[in-house]
Amino acid sequence: MKRTPLRRKSKRREAEDEVRREVLAALVEERGSGCEAGVLRIAKGDGGGSILICTGTAVDGHEVLTRGRGGSATDPANILLVCRECHTWIHDNPQAAEAHGLLMNSWEAK
């Protein structure tokens, strides 16, 4: 019996990823390559102020309304250009990110 290996991605997802790459390139052209999450600071545990975690250079496209919450991966209005550190912080701290407007719940959309 001949076995065909499974595709890593569906053709639909590959097409969506291609559109997303084009959208991200256009956003960088339009908005620049700075991190749009802003300079996020997190408080030190010892009460000694805060530390800077933002590198200032965007490398990721973050969806404010994630795909799992009904958002679009290709809608420029739903994408923020963020640095890796801020992107990690957003997903590690969803309640704080929602308070900063960096994440949105599905019932808040439109």
N, C-alpha and C. Protein backbone atom coordinates (compact mmCIF):
# COMPACT_ATOMS: atom_id res chain seq x y z
N MET A 1 0.84 -1.17 0.00
CA MET A 1 0.00 0.00 0.00
C MET A 1 0.89 1.25 0.00
N LYS A 2 0.62 2.15 -0.93
CA LYS A 2 1.38 3.39 -1.02
C LYS A 2 0.77 4.42 -0.07
N ARG A 3 1.61 5.06 0.68
CA ARG A 3 1.14 6.07 1.64
C ARG A 3 1.62 7.45 1.20
N THR A 4 0.71 8.40 1.25
CA THR A 4 1.03 9.77 0.92
C THR A 4 1.20 10.56 2.21
N PRO A 5 2.30 11.25 2.38
CA PRO A 5 2.48 12.01 3.62
C PRO A 5 1.44 13.12 3.75
N LEU A 6 1.09 13.43 4.99
CA LEU A 6 0.14 14.51 5.26
C LEU A 6 0.78 15.86 4.94
N ARG A 7 -0.03 16.78 4.47
CA ARG A 7 0.44 18.14 4.21
C ARG A 7 0.65 18.85 5.54
N ARG A 8 1.68 19.65 5.60
CA ARG A 8 1.93 20.43 6.81
C ARG A 8 0.84 21.47 7.02
N LYS A 9 0.39 22.08 5.92
CA LYS A 9 -0.67 23.10 5.96
C LYS A 9 -1.65 22.81 4.84
N SER A 10 -2.88 23.18 5.09
CA SER A 10 -3.87 23.06 4.02
C SER A 10 -3.59 24.12 2.95
N LYS A 11 -4.11 23.89 1.76
CA LYS A 11 -3.94 24.88 0.69
C LYS A 11 -4.59 26.20 1.07
N ARG A 12 -5.71 26.12 1.76
CA ARG A 12 -6.40 27.35 2.22
C ARG A 12 -5.52 28.13 3.19
N ARG A 13 -4.90 27.43 4.13
CA ARG A 13 -4.04 28.10 5.12
C ARG A 13 -2.79 28.67 4.43
N GLU A 14 -2.23 27.95 3.47
CA GLU A 14 -1.07 28.46 2.73
C GLU A 14 -1.43 29.74 1.98
N ALA A 15 -2.62 29.77 1.39
CA ALA A 15 -3.07 30.97 0.67
C ALA A 15 -3.26 32.13 1.63
N GLU A 16 -3.85 31.85 2.81
CA GLU A 16 -4.05 32.90 3.81
C GLU A 16 -2.70 33.42 4.32
N ASP A 17 -1.75 32.52 4.51
CA ASP A 17 -0.42 32.94 4.97
C ASP A 17 0.28 33.83 3.95
N GLU A 18 0.08 33.55 2.66
CA GLU A 18 0.66 34.38 1.61
C GLU A 18 0.06 35.79 1.65
N VAL A 19 -1.26 35.87 1.80
CA VAL A 19 -1.92 37.18 1.91
C VAL A 19 -1.43 37.91 3.15
N ARG A 20 -1.28 37.18 4.27
CA ARG A 20 -0.81 37.80 5.52
C ARG A 20 0.60 38.37 5.34
N ARG A 21 1.48 37.64 4.67
CA ARG A 21 2.84 38.16 4.42
C ARG A 21 2.78 39.47 3.64
N GLU A 22 1.91 39.53 2.65
CA GLU A 22 1.77 40.75 1.85
C GLU A 22 1.21 41.89 2.70
N VAL A 23 0.22 41.59 3.54
CA VAL A 23 -0.37 42.61 4.42
C VAL A 23 0.68 43.13 5.39
N LEU A 24 1.45 42.22 5.99
CA LEU A 24 2.49 42.64 6.94
C LEU A 24 3.55 43.52 6.26
N ALA A 25 3.94 43.15 5.05
CA ALA A 25 4.92 43.97 4.32
C ALA A 25 4.36 45.35 4.05
N ALA A 26 3.08 45.43 3.68
CA ALA A 26 2.46 46.73 3.43
C ALA A 26 2.37 47.55 4.71
N LEU A 27 2.08 46.89 5.84
CA LEU A 27 1.99 47.60 7.12
C LEU A 27 3.35 48.15 7.54
N VAL A 28 4.40 47.40 7.33
CA VAL A 28 5.75 47.88 7.66
C VAL A 28 6.09 49.09 6.78
N GLU A 29 5.71 49.01 5.52
CA GLU A 29 5.94 50.14 4.61
C GLU A 29 5.17 51.38 5.06
N GLU A 30 3.93 51.16 5.49
CA GLU A 30 3.05 52.26 5.89
C GLU A 30 3.37 52.81 7.28
N ARG A 31 3.55 51.92 8.24
CA ARG A 31 3.69 52.33 9.64
C ARG A 31 5.13 52.39 10.13
N GLY A 32 6.04 51.79 9.41
CA GLY A 32 7.42 51.70 9.87
C GLY A 32 7.64 50.43 10.66
N SER A 33 8.85 50.23 11.14
CA SER A 33 9.19 48.97 11.80
C SER A 33 9.29 49.10 13.31
N GLY A 34 8.73 50.15 13.87
CA GLY A 34 8.74 50.31 15.32
C GLY A 34 7.65 49.49 15.99
N CYS A 35 7.90 49.08 17.22
CA CYS A 35 6.93 48.30 17.99
C CYS A 35 5.74 49.18 18.34
N GLU A 36 4.53 48.75 17.92
CA GLU A 36 3.32 49.54 18.16
C GLU A 36 2.68 49.26 19.52
N ALA A 37 3.21 48.28 20.26
CA ALA A 37 2.67 48.01 21.58
C ALA A 37 3.13 49.09 22.55
N GLY A 38 4.11 49.84 22.15
CA GLY A 38 4.62 50.89 23.02
C GLY A 38 5.71 50.34 23.92
N VAL A 39 6.19 51.17 24.76
CA VAL A 39 7.23 50.75 25.68
C VAL A 39 6.55 50.16 26.90
N LEU A 40 6.48 48.83 26.92
CA LEU A 40 5.85 48.16 28.05
C LEU A 40 6.87 47.98 29.16
N ARG A 41 6.44 48.24 30.35
CA ARG A 41 7.29 48.04 31.52
C ARG A 41 6.58 47.09 32.46
N ILE A 42 7.34 46.23 33.10
CA ILE A 42 6.76 45.33 34.09
C ILE A 42 7.43 45.61 35.43
N ALA A 43 6.63 45.57 36.48
CA ALA A 43 7.15 45.88 37.81
C ALA A 43 8.06 44.77 38.30
N LYS A 44 9.16 45.16 38.92
CA LYS A 44 10.04 44.19 39.54
C LYS A 44 9.37 43.68 40.80
N GLY A 45 9.65 42.46 41.14
CA GLY A 45 9.06 41.85 42.34
C GLY A 45 9.52 42.49 43.63
N ASP A 46 10.70 43.09 43.64
CA ASP A 46 11.24 43.65 44.87
C ASP A 46 10.78 45.09 45.11
N GLY A 47 9.89 45.61 44.26
CA GLY A 47 9.40 46.97 44.43
C GLY A 47 10.39 48.02 43.98
N GLY A 48 11.41 47.62 43.25
CA GLY A 48 12.46 48.54 42.83
C GLY A 48 12.20 49.20 41.50
N GLY A 49 10.97 49.51 41.18
CA GLY A 49 10.69 50.18 39.92
C GLY A 49 10.23 49.22 38.85
N SER A 50 10.65 49.47 37.65
CA SER A 50 10.22 48.62 36.54
C SER A 50 11.38 48.39 35.59
N ILE A 51 11.22 47.38 34.74
CA ILE A 51 12.26 47.10 33.76
C ILE A 51 11.65 47.19 32.37
N LEU A 52 12.44 47.65 31.45
CA LEU A 52 12.02 47.81 30.07
C LEU A 52 12.10 46.46 29.37
N ILE A 53 11.01 46.04 28.71
CA ILE A 53 11.08 44.78 27.97
C ILE A 53 10.94 44.98 26.47
N CYS A 54 10.58 46.15 26.02
CA CYS A 54 10.36 46.40 24.59
C CYS A 54 11.68 46.69 23.91
N THR A 55 11.93 46.02 22.78
CA THR A 55 13.15 46.27 22.03
C THR A 55 12.98 47.43 21.06
N GLY A 56 11.71 47.77 20.76
CA GLY A 56 11.43 48.90 19.88
C GLY A 56 11.36 48.55 18.41
N THR A 57 11.81 47.35 18.02
CA THR A 57 11.80 46.95 16.62
C THR A 57 10.79 45.83 16.41
N ALA A 58 9.78 46.09 15.60
CA ALA A 58 8.73 45.10 15.36
C ALA A 58 9.24 43.95 14.50
N VAL A 59 8.94 42.74 14.94
CA VAL A 59 9.28 41.54 14.18
C VAL A 59 8.08 40.62 14.01
N ASP A 60 6.99 40.91 14.72
CA ASP A 60 5.78 40.08 14.68
C ASP A 60 4.57 40.90 14.32
N GLY A 61 3.59 40.25 13.73
CA GLY A 61 2.28 40.84 13.51
C GLY A 61 1.33 40.26 14.54
N HIS A 62 0.86 41.07 15.47
CA HIS A 62 -0.03 40.62 16.54
C HIS A 62 -1.48 40.94 16.18
N GLU A 63 -2.35 39.96 16.30
CA GLU A 63 -3.77 40.16 16.06
C GLU A 63 -4.45 40.56 17.36
N VAL A 64 -5.00 41.76 17.40
CA VAL A 64 -5.67 42.26 18.60
C VAL A 64 -6.85 41.36 18.93
N LEU A 65 -7.66 41.03 17.94
CA LEU A 65 -8.72 40.05 18.08
C LEU A 65 -8.19 38.78 17.43
N THR A 66 -7.74 37.83 18.25
CA THR A 66 -7.09 36.64 17.74
C THR A 66 -8.03 35.80 16.87
N ARG A 67 -7.43 34.93 16.06
CA ARG A 67 -8.24 34.04 15.21
C ARG A 67 -9.16 33.17 16.04
N GLY A 68 -8.68 32.73 17.18
CA GLY A 68 -9.48 31.90 18.07
C GLY A 68 -10.67 32.64 18.65
N ARG A 69 -10.62 33.96 18.64
CA ARG A 69 -11.71 34.79 19.16
C ARG A 69 -12.53 35.39 18.02
N GLY A 70 -12.28 34.93 16.79
CA GLY A 70 -13.06 35.38 15.65
C GLY A 70 -12.42 36.48 14.82
N GLY A 71 -11.16 36.78 15.08
CA GLY A 71 -10.47 37.84 14.35
C GLY A 71 -9.89 37.36 13.04
N SER A 72 -9.48 38.31 12.23
CA SER A 72 -8.90 38.02 10.92
C SER A 72 -7.39 38.18 10.98
N ALA A 73 -6.70 37.24 10.35
CA ALA A 73 -5.24 37.30 10.29
C ALA A 73 -4.76 38.19 9.16
N THR A 74 -5.68 38.65 8.32
CA THR A 74 -5.29 39.45 7.15
C THR A 74 -5.89 40.85 7.14
N ASP A 75 -6.63 41.22 8.17
CA ASP A 75 -7.23 42.55 8.26
C ASP A 75 -6.23 43.52 8.88
N PRO A 76 -5.75 44.50 8.12
CA PRO A 76 -4.75 45.43 8.65
C PRO A 76 -5.21 46.17 9.92
N ALA A 77 -6.51 46.40 10.05
CA ALA A 77 -7.02 47.09 11.24
C ALA A 77 -6.93 46.21 12.48
N ASN A 78 -6.72 44.92 12.32
CA ASN A 78 -6.65 43.98 13.44
C ASN A 78 -5.21 43.62 13.79
N ILE A 79 -4.25 44.17 13.08
CA ILE A 79 -2.85 43.76 13.27
C ILE A 79 -2.03 44.92 13.82
N LEU A 80 -1.26 44.61 14.87
CA LEU A 80 -0.26 45.55 15.40
C LEU A 80 1.11 44.96 15.12
N LEU A 81 2.05 45.80 14.75
CA LEU A 81 3.43 45.37 14.57
C LEU A 81 4.13 45.51 15.91
N VAL A 82 4.62 44.39 16.45
CA VAL A 82 5.19 44.39 17.80
C VAL A 82 6.52 43.65 17.83
N CYS A 83 7.34 43.96 18.83
CA CYS A 83 8.59 43.22 19.04
C CYS A 83 8.25 41.89 19.70
N ARG A 84 9.18 40.97 19.65
CA ARG A 84 8.95 39.63 20.22
C ARG A 84 8.68 39.70 21.72
N GLU A 85 9.40 40.54 22.43
CA GLU A 85 9.25 40.64 23.88
C GLU A 85 7.84 41.13 24.25
N CYS A 86 7.37 42.15 23.56
CA CYS A 86 6.01 42.66 23.83
C CYS A 86 4.97 41.62 23.43
N HIS A 87 5.19 40.92 22.30
CA HIS A 87 4.24 39.91 21.86
C HIS A 87 4.12 38.79 22.90
N THR A 88 5.25 38.37 23.43
CA THR A 88 5.24 37.35 24.49
C THR A 88 4.52 37.87 25.72
N TRP A 89 4.81 39.11 26.11
CA TRP A 89 4.16 39.70 27.28
C TRP A 89 2.65 39.77 27.08
N ILE A 90 2.19 40.16 25.90
CA ILE A 90 0.76 40.27 25.61
C ILE A 90 0.07 38.94 25.87
N HIS A 91 0.64 37.86 25.37
CA HIS A 91 -0.01 36.56 25.51
C HIS A 91 0.21 35.93 26.88
N ASP A 92 1.25 36.33 27.58
CA ASP A 92 1.47 35.84 28.94
C ASP A 92 0.64 36.60 29.97
N ASN A 93 0.18 37.80 29.62
CA ASN A 93 -0.58 38.66 30.54
C ASN A 93 -1.86 39.16 29.87
N PRO A 94 -2.79 38.26 29.55
CA PRO A 94 -3.96 38.67 28.76
C PRO A 94 -4.84 39.73 29.42
N GLN A 95 -5.01 39.67 30.73
CA GLN A 95 -5.86 40.68 31.38
C GLN A 95 -5.23 42.06 31.31
N ALA A 96 -3.95 42.15 31.56
CA ALA A 96 -3.26 43.44 31.46
C ALA A 96 -3.23 43.92 30.01
N ALA A 97 -3.04 43.00 29.08
CA ALA A 97 -3.01 43.36 27.66
C ALA A 97 -4.38 43.89 27.22
N GLU A 98 -5.46 43.28 27.71
CA GLU A 98 -6.81 43.76 27.40
C GLU A 98 -7.00 45.17 27.95
N ALA A 99 -6.50 45.41 29.15
CA ALA A 99 -6.62 46.74 29.76
C ALA A 99 -5.86 47.80 28.95
N HIS A 100 -4.77 47.40 28.30
CA HIS A 100 -3.97 48.31 27.46
C HIS A 100 -4.49 48.39 26.03
N GLY A 101 -5.55 47.62 25.71
CA GLY A 101 -6.09 47.63 24.36
C GLY A 101 -5.29 46.80 23.36
N LEU A 102 -4.45 45.89 23.86
CA LEU A 102 -3.61 45.08 23.00
C LEU A 102 -4.24 43.73 22.68
N LEU A 103 -5.27 43.36 23.41
CA LEU A 103 -6.06 42.16 23.15
C LEU A 103 -7.52 42.53 23.30
N MET A 104 -8.36 41.85 22.56
CA MET A 104 -9.80 42.14 22.62
C MET A 104 -10.57 40.82 22.72
N ASN A 105 -11.65 40.84 23.49
CA ASN A 105 -12.54 39.69 23.56
C ASN A 105 -13.51 39.70 22.40
N SER A 106 -14.03 38.54 22.07
CA SER A 106 -14.92 38.42 20.91
C SER A 106 -16.18 39.26 21.08
N TRP A 107 -16.68 39.41 22.30
CA TRP A 107 -17.90 40.19 22.51
C TRP A 107 -17.66 41.69 22.44
N GLU A 108 -16.39 42.11 22.45
CA GLU A 108 -16.08 43.53 22.33
C GLU A 108 -15.95 43.98 20.88
N ALA A 109 -15.80 43.01 19.98
CA ALA A 109 -15.60 43.35 18.57
C ALA A 109 -16.87 43.90 17.98
N LYS A 110 -16.73 44.97 17.24
CA LYS A 110 -17.80 45.63 16.50
C LYS A 110 -18.98 45.88 17.33
